Amino acid sequence: MRISINKNTDLSNKYLRFLKWKIYQLAEKFGDLIYVEVFLNSEGQSPKIYVANIRLGIAGKDIILKDRSKNLWVLFQRLQRKAQQNLARQKQLNKEKRVDFSRQIYQEVL
């Protein structure tokens, strides 16, 4: 799995390590991730609002997540929750497609 982080803001390494840790947790739980691209920006001066766009590369269409927050920890945790929900939904859809496909093959054999 390839992780690419592009940032247009000053962030300390602890935030980047935390983000990578969250991504690796997703990769362990859902083995479908091929690549992850993260784009971080900040808007405004006081208070700064952080904007994150994440592209999760999976087989088929990519999953794109967007969120914004004043707190980076909250931002990363919300994005992880969204990613888990989307990956679980995608996993369930793929499972249903496999079951339907196997039923079609079984009916054609009979």
N, C-alpha and C. Protein backbone atom coordinates (compact mmCIF):
# COMPACT_ATOMS: atom_id res chain seq x y z
N MET A 1 0.84 -1.17 0.00
CA MET A 1 0.00 0.00 0.00
C MET A 1 0.90 1.24 0.00
N ARG A 2 0.52 2.20 -0.81
CA ARG A 2 1.27 3.44 -0.94
C ARG A 2 0.50 4.56 -0.26
N ILE A 3 1.19 5.35 0.57
CA ILE A 3 0.58 6.48 1.26
C ILE A 3 1.27 7.75 0.78
N SER A 4 0.48 8.71 0.30
CA SER A 4 1.00 9.98 -0.17
C SER A 4 0.30 11.09 0.61
N ILE A 5 1.09 11.94 1.28
CA ILE A 5 0.53 13.04 2.05
C ILE A 5 1.06 14.35 1.48
N ASN A 6 0.14 15.19 1.01
CA ASN A 6 0.48 16.52 0.49
C ASN A 6 -0.11 17.55 1.44
N LYS A 7 0.73 18.45 1.93
CA LYS A 7 0.24 19.43 2.89
C LYS A 7 0.66 20.83 2.46
N ASN A 8 -0.27 21.74 2.56
CA ASN A 8 -0.01 23.15 2.27
C ASN A 8 -0.14 23.97 3.55
N THR A 9 0.26 23.37 4.65
CA THR A 9 0.19 24.03 5.94
C THR A 9 1.34 23.55 6.81
N ASP A 10 1.65 24.30 7.85
CA ASP A 10 2.70 23.89 8.77
C ASP A 10 2.12 22.94 9.80
N LEU A 11 2.53 21.68 9.74
CA LEU A 11 2.09 20.68 10.70
C LEU A 11 3.30 20.02 11.31
N SER A 12 3.22 19.68 12.58
CA SER A 12 4.31 18.96 13.20
C SER A 12 4.22 17.49 12.82
N ASN A 13 5.31 16.78 13.04
CA ASN A 13 5.36 15.37 12.67
C ASN A 13 4.42 14.50 13.48
N LYS A 14 4.04 14.94 14.69
CA LYS A 14 3.15 14.11 15.50
C LYS A 14 1.78 13.95 14.83
N TYR A 15 1.32 14.99 14.13
CA TYR A 15 0.04 14.88 13.42
C TYR A 15 0.16 13.93 12.23
N LEU A 16 1.27 14.00 11.53
CA LEU A 16 1.46 13.12 10.38
C LEU A 16 1.61 11.67 10.82
N ARG A 17 2.31 11.44 11.94
CA ARG A 17 2.43 10.07 12.47
C ARG A 17 1.07 9.54 12.89
N PHE A 18 0.27 10.39 13.53
CA PHE A 18 -1.07 9.98 13.95
C PHE A 18 -1.93 9.63 12.75
N LEU A 19 -1.84 10.44 11.70
CA LEU A 19 -2.60 10.18 10.48
C LEU A 19 -2.18 8.86 9.84
N LYS A 20 -0.88 8.62 9.74
CA LYS A 20 -0.39 7.37 9.17
C LYS A 20 -0.83 6.17 10.02
N TRP A 21 -0.81 6.34 11.33
CA TRP A 21 -1.24 5.26 12.22
C TRP A 21 -2.70 4.91 11.97
N LYS A 22 -3.55 5.94 11.79
CA LYS A 22 -4.97 5.70 11.49
C LYS A 22 -5.13 4.99 10.14
N ILE A 23 -4.33 5.37 9.17
CA ILE A 23 -4.40 4.74 7.84
C ILE A 23 -3.98 3.28 7.93
N TYR A 24 -2.92 3.00 8.67
CA TYR A 24 -2.47 1.61 8.81
C TYR A 24 -3.51 0.76 9.55
N GLN A 25 -4.23 1.36 10.49
CA GLN A 25 -5.32 0.63 11.14
C GLN A 25 -6.40 0.24 10.14
N LEU A 26 -6.74 1.17 9.24
CA LEU A 26 -7.73 0.87 8.21
C LEU A 26 -7.22 -0.24 7.28
N ALA A 27 -5.95 -0.18 6.94
CA ALA A 27 -5.38 -1.18 6.03
C ALA A 27 -5.39 -2.56 6.66
N GLU A 28 -5.16 -2.64 7.96
CA GLU A 28 -5.20 -3.93 8.64
C GLU A 28 -6.61 -4.50 8.68
N LYS A 29 -7.58 -3.62 8.94
CA LYS A 29 -8.96 -4.08 9.06
C LYS A 29 -9.56 -4.43 7.70
N PHE A 30 -9.29 -3.58 6.70
CA PHE A 30 -9.79 -3.79 5.35
C PHE A 30 -8.57 -3.94 4.44
N GLY A 31 -8.30 -5.12 3.98
CA GLY A 31 -7.11 -5.36 3.17
C GLY A 31 -7.25 -4.91 1.73
N ASP A 32 -8.32 -4.19 1.41
CA ASP A 32 -8.60 -3.81 0.04
C ASP A 32 -7.88 -2.55 -0.42
N LEU A 33 -7.21 -1.85 0.49
CA LEU A 33 -6.59 -0.58 0.13
C LEU A 33 -5.36 -0.79 -0.75
N ILE A 34 -5.34 -0.11 -1.88
CA ILE A 34 -4.19 -0.15 -2.79
C ILE A 34 -3.30 1.05 -2.53
N TYR A 35 -3.91 2.22 -2.41
CA TYR A 35 -3.16 3.44 -2.10
C TYR A 35 -4.06 4.42 -1.37
N VAL A 36 -3.42 5.38 -0.69
CA VAL A 36 -4.13 6.44 0.02
C VAL A 36 -3.43 7.75 -0.29
N GLU A 37 -4.19 8.74 -0.72
CA GLU A 37 -3.66 10.08 -0.97
C GLU A 37 -4.37 11.05 -0.04
N VAL A 38 -3.59 11.84 0.68
CA VAL A 38 -4.13 12.80 1.64
C VAL A 38 -3.69 14.20 1.23
N PHE A 39 -4.63 15.13 1.17
CA PHE A 39 -4.35 16.53 0.86
C PHE A 39 -4.82 17.38 2.04
N LEU A 40 -3.89 18.07 2.69
CA LEU A 40 -4.21 18.90 3.85
C LEU A 40 -3.97 20.36 3.53
N ASN A 41 -4.94 21.20 3.85
CA ASN A 41 -4.85 22.65 3.67
C ASN A 41 -5.35 23.33 4.93
N SER A 42 -5.00 24.60 5.07
CA SER A 42 -5.56 25.39 6.16
C SER A 42 -6.17 26.66 5.57
N GLU A 43 -7.26 27.09 6.18
CA GLU A 43 -7.95 28.29 5.74
C GLU A 43 -8.04 29.25 6.91
N GLY A 44 -7.87 30.53 6.63
CA GLY A 44 -8.02 31.55 7.65
C GLY A 44 -6.80 31.68 8.54
N GLN A 45 -6.86 32.66 9.43
CA GLN A 45 -5.74 32.92 10.33
C GLN A 45 -6.10 32.63 11.79
N SER A 46 -7.21 33.17 12.24
CA SER A 46 -7.56 33.00 13.64
C SER A 46 -9.04 32.74 13.76
N PRO A 47 -9.50 31.58 14.07
CA PRO A 47 -8.76 30.33 14.20
C PRO A 47 -8.56 29.68 12.84
N LYS A 48 -7.53 28.88 12.73
CA LYS A 48 -7.29 28.16 11.47
C LYS A 48 -8.31 27.04 11.34
N ILE A 49 -8.79 26.87 10.14
CA ILE A 49 -9.68 25.76 9.84
C ILE A 49 -8.91 24.84 8.90
N TYR A 50 -8.77 23.60 9.31
CA TYR A 50 -8.03 22.63 8.51
C TYR A 50 -9.00 21.86 7.62
N VAL A 51 -8.60 21.70 6.37
CA VAL A 51 -9.42 21.00 5.38
C VAL A 51 -8.63 19.78 4.91
N ALA A 52 -9.27 18.62 4.91
CA ALA A 52 -8.61 17.40 4.48
C ALA A 52 -9.44 16.73 3.39
N ASN A 53 -8.77 16.32 2.33
CA ASN A 53 -9.35 15.51 1.27
C ASN A 53 -8.55 14.22 1.21
N ILE A 54 -9.24 13.10 1.27
CA ILE A 54 -8.56 11.81 1.26
C ILE A 54 -9.14 10.97 0.12
N ARG A 55 -8.26 10.37 -0.65
CA ARG A 55 -8.66 9.45 -1.71
C ARG A 55 -8.17 8.06 -1.34
N LEU A 56 -9.12 7.15 -1.17
CA LEU A 56 -8.80 5.76 -0.85
C LEU A 56 -8.87 4.95 -2.14
N GLY A 57 -7.74 4.43 -2.56
CA GLY A 57 -7.69 3.64 -3.78
C GLY A 57 -8.03 2.19 -3.49
N ILE A 58 -9.14 1.74 -4.05
CA ILE A 58 -9.56 0.34 -3.91
C ILE A 58 -9.88 -0.18 -5.30
N ALA A 59 -10.11 -1.46 -5.41
CA ALA A 59 -10.51 -2.03 -6.68
C ALA A 59 -11.86 -1.43 -7.08
N GLY A 60 -11.96 -0.94 -8.29
CA GLY A 60 -13.17 -0.26 -8.72
C GLY A 60 -13.02 1.23 -8.55
N LYS A 61 -14.12 1.89 -8.22
CA LYS A 61 -14.09 3.35 -8.04
C LYS A 61 -13.43 3.71 -6.71
N ASP A 62 -12.63 4.78 -6.74
CA ASP A 62 -11.98 5.26 -5.52
C ASP A 62 -13.00 5.90 -4.60
N ILE A 63 -12.69 5.90 -3.32
CA ILE A 63 -13.52 6.56 -2.32
C ILE A 63 -12.87 7.89 -1.98
N ILE A 64 -13.63 8.98 -2.08
CA ILE A 64 -13.11 10.31 -1.79
C ILE A 64 -13.85 10.86 -0.57
N LEU A 65 -13.08 11.26 0.44
CA LEU A 65 -13.62 11.79 1.68
C LEU A 65 -13.16 13.22 1.86
N LYS A 66 -14.06 14.10 2.32
CA LYS A 66 -13.73 15.50 2.56
C LYS A 66 -14.30 15.90 3.91
N ASP A 67 -13.50 16.68 4.65
CA ASP A 67 -13.98 17.17 5.93
C ASP A 67 -13.14 18.38 6.34
N ARG A 68 -13.65 19.16 7.30
CA ARG A 68 -12.94 20.33 7.81
C ARG A 68 -13.22 20.47 9.30
N SER A 69 -12.22 21.00 10.01
CA SER A 69 -12.37 21.19 11.44
C SER A 69 -11.29 22.15 11.94
N LYS A 70 -11.53 22.71 13.12
CA LYS A 70 -10.53 23.56 13.75
C LYS A 70 -9.47 22.73 14.47
N ASN A 71 -9.83 21.51 14.86
CA ASN A 71 -8.95 20.63 15.62
C ASN A 71 -8.50 19.48 14.73
N LEU A 72 -7.20 19.28 14.58
CA LEU A 72 -6.69 18.22 13.71
C LEU A 72 -7.01 16.83 14.22
N TRP A 73 -6.96 16.62 15.54
CA TRP A 73 -7.26 15.30 16.09
C TRP A 73 -8.70 14.90 15.75
N VAL A 74 -9.61 15.82 15.95
CA VAL A 74 -11.02 15.57 15.65
C VAL A 74 -11.20 15.31 14.16
N LEU A 75 -10.52 16.08 13.34
CA LEU A 75 -10.60 15.92 11.90
C LEU A 75 -10.17 14.53 11.47
N PHE A 76 -9.04 14.07 11.96
CA PHE A 76 -8.52 12.76 11.57
C PHE A 76 -9.41 11.63 12.08
N GLN A 77 -9.96 11.77 13.28
CA GLN A 77 -10.83 10.73 13.81
C GLN A 77 -12.15 10.66 13.04
N ARG A 78 -12.70 11.82 12.67
CA ARG A 78 -13.94 11.80 11.87
C ARG A 78 -13.70 11.19 10.50
N LEU A 79 -12.56 11.51 9.90
CA LEU A 79 -12.25 10.94 8.59
C LEU A 79 -12.03 9.43 8.68
N GLN A 80 -11.43 8.97 9.77
CA GLN A 80 -11.26 7.53 9.92
C GLN A 80 -12.61 6.83 10.05
N ARG A 81 -13.52 7.43 10.81
CA ARG A 81 -14.86 6.86 10.96
C ARG A 81 -15.59 6.81 9.62
N LYS A 82 -15.49 7.89 8.83
CA LYS A 82 -16.11 7.91 7.50
C LYS A 82 -15.50 6.86 6.59
N ALA A 83 -14.18 6.73 6.67
CA ALA A 83 -13.50 5.74 5.83
C ALA A 83 -13.92 4.33 6.21
N GLN A 84 -14.04 4.05 7.50
CA GLN A 84 -14.49 2.73 7.93
C GLN A 84 -15.88 2.43 7.42
N GLN A 85 -16.78 3.40 7.51
CA GLN A 85 -18.14 3.20 7.04
C GLN A 85 -18.16 2.93 5.54
N ASN A 86 -17.42 3.72 4.77
CA ASN A 86 -17.41 3.54 3.33
C ASN A 86 -16.75 2.24 2.91
N LEU A 87 -15.66 1.87 3.57
CA LEU A 87 -14.99 0.61 3.23
C LEU A 87 -15.84 -0.60 3.61
N ALA A 88 -16.55 -0.52 4.74
CA ALA A 88 -17.44 -1.60 5.14
C ALA A 88 -18.59 -1.74 4.15
N ARG A 89 -19.14 -0.60 3.71
CA ARG A 89 -20.22 -0.63 2.73
C ARG A 89 -19.73 -1.22 1.41
N GLN A 90 -18.53 -0.83 0.99
CA GLN A 90 -17.96 -1.34 -0.26
C GLN A 90 -17.69 -2.84 -0.15
N LYS A 91 -17.21 -3.28 1.01
CA LYS A 91 -16.94 -4.70 1.22
C LYS A 91 -18.23 -5.51 1.15
N GLN A 92 -19.30 -4.97 1.75
CA GLN A 92 -20.59 -5.66 1.71
C GLN A 92 -21.13 -5.72 0.28
N LEU A 93 -21.00 -4.63 -0.49
CA LEU A 93 -21.46 -4.63 -1.88
C LEU A 93 -20.69 -5.64 -2.71
N ASN A 94 -19.38 -5.72 -2.51
CA ASN A 94 -18.58 -6.69 -3.25
C ASN A 94 -18.96 -8.11 -2.88
N LYS A 95 -19.27 -8.33 -1.60
CA LYS A 95 -19.68 -9.66 -1.15
C LYS A 95 -21.00 -10.06 -1.81
N GLU A 96 -21.96 -9.11 -1.87
CA GLU A 96 -23.25 -9.39 -2.50
C GLU A 96 -23.08 -9.66 -3.99
N LYS A 97 -22.19 -8.94 -4.66
CA LYS A 97 -21.94 -9.18 -6.09
C LYS A 97 -21.37 -10.56 -6.31
N ARG A 98 -20.45 -11.00 -5.43
CA ARG A 98 -19.87 -12.33 -5.57
C ARG A 98 -20.92 -13.41 -5.37
N VAL A 99 -21.82 -13.20 -4.39
CA VAL A 99 -22.87 -14.18 -4.13
C VAL A 99 -23.82 -14.25 -5.32
N ASP A 100 -24.22 -13.10 -5.87
CA ASP A 100 -25.11 -13.08 -7.03
C ASP A 100 -24.45 -13.74 -8.23
N PHE A 101 -23.16 -13.47 -8.43
CA PHE A 101 -22.45 -14.05 -9.55
C PHE A 101 -22.35 -15.56 -9.40
N SER A 102 -22.10 -16.04 -8.19
CA SER A 102 -22.01 -17.49 -7.97
C SER A 102 -23.37 -18.15 -8.16
N ARG A 103 -24.46 -17.45 -7.80
CA ARG A 103 -25.80 -17.99 -8.03
C ARG A 103 -26.09 -18.11 -9.52
N GLN A 104 -25.67 -17.10 -10.30
CA GLN A 104 -25.89 -17.16 -11.74
C GLN A 104 -25.13 -18.33 -12.35
N ILE A 105 -23.92 -18.52 -11.94
CA ILE A 105 -23.14 -19.64 -12.48
C ILE A 105 -23.77 -20.95 -12.09
N TYR A 106 -24.25 -21.08 -10.85
CA TYR A 106 -24.88 -22.31 -10.38
C TYR A 106 -26.16 -22.58 -11.17
N GLN A 107 -26.96 -21.55 -11.48
CA GLN A 107 -28.19 -21.74 -12.22
C GLN A 107 -27.90 -22.10 -13.67
N GLU A 108 -26.83 -21.56 -14.24
CA GLU A 108 -26.47 -21.91 -15.61
C GLU A 108 -26.02 -23.34 -15.73
N VAL A 109 -25.40 -23.87 -14.70
CA VAL A 109 -24.92 -25.25 -14.71
C VAL A 109 -26.11 -26.20 -14.67
N LEU A 110 -27.13 -25.85 -13.90
CA LEU A 110 -28.32 -26.70 -13.80
C LEU A 110 -29.11 -26.58 -15.07
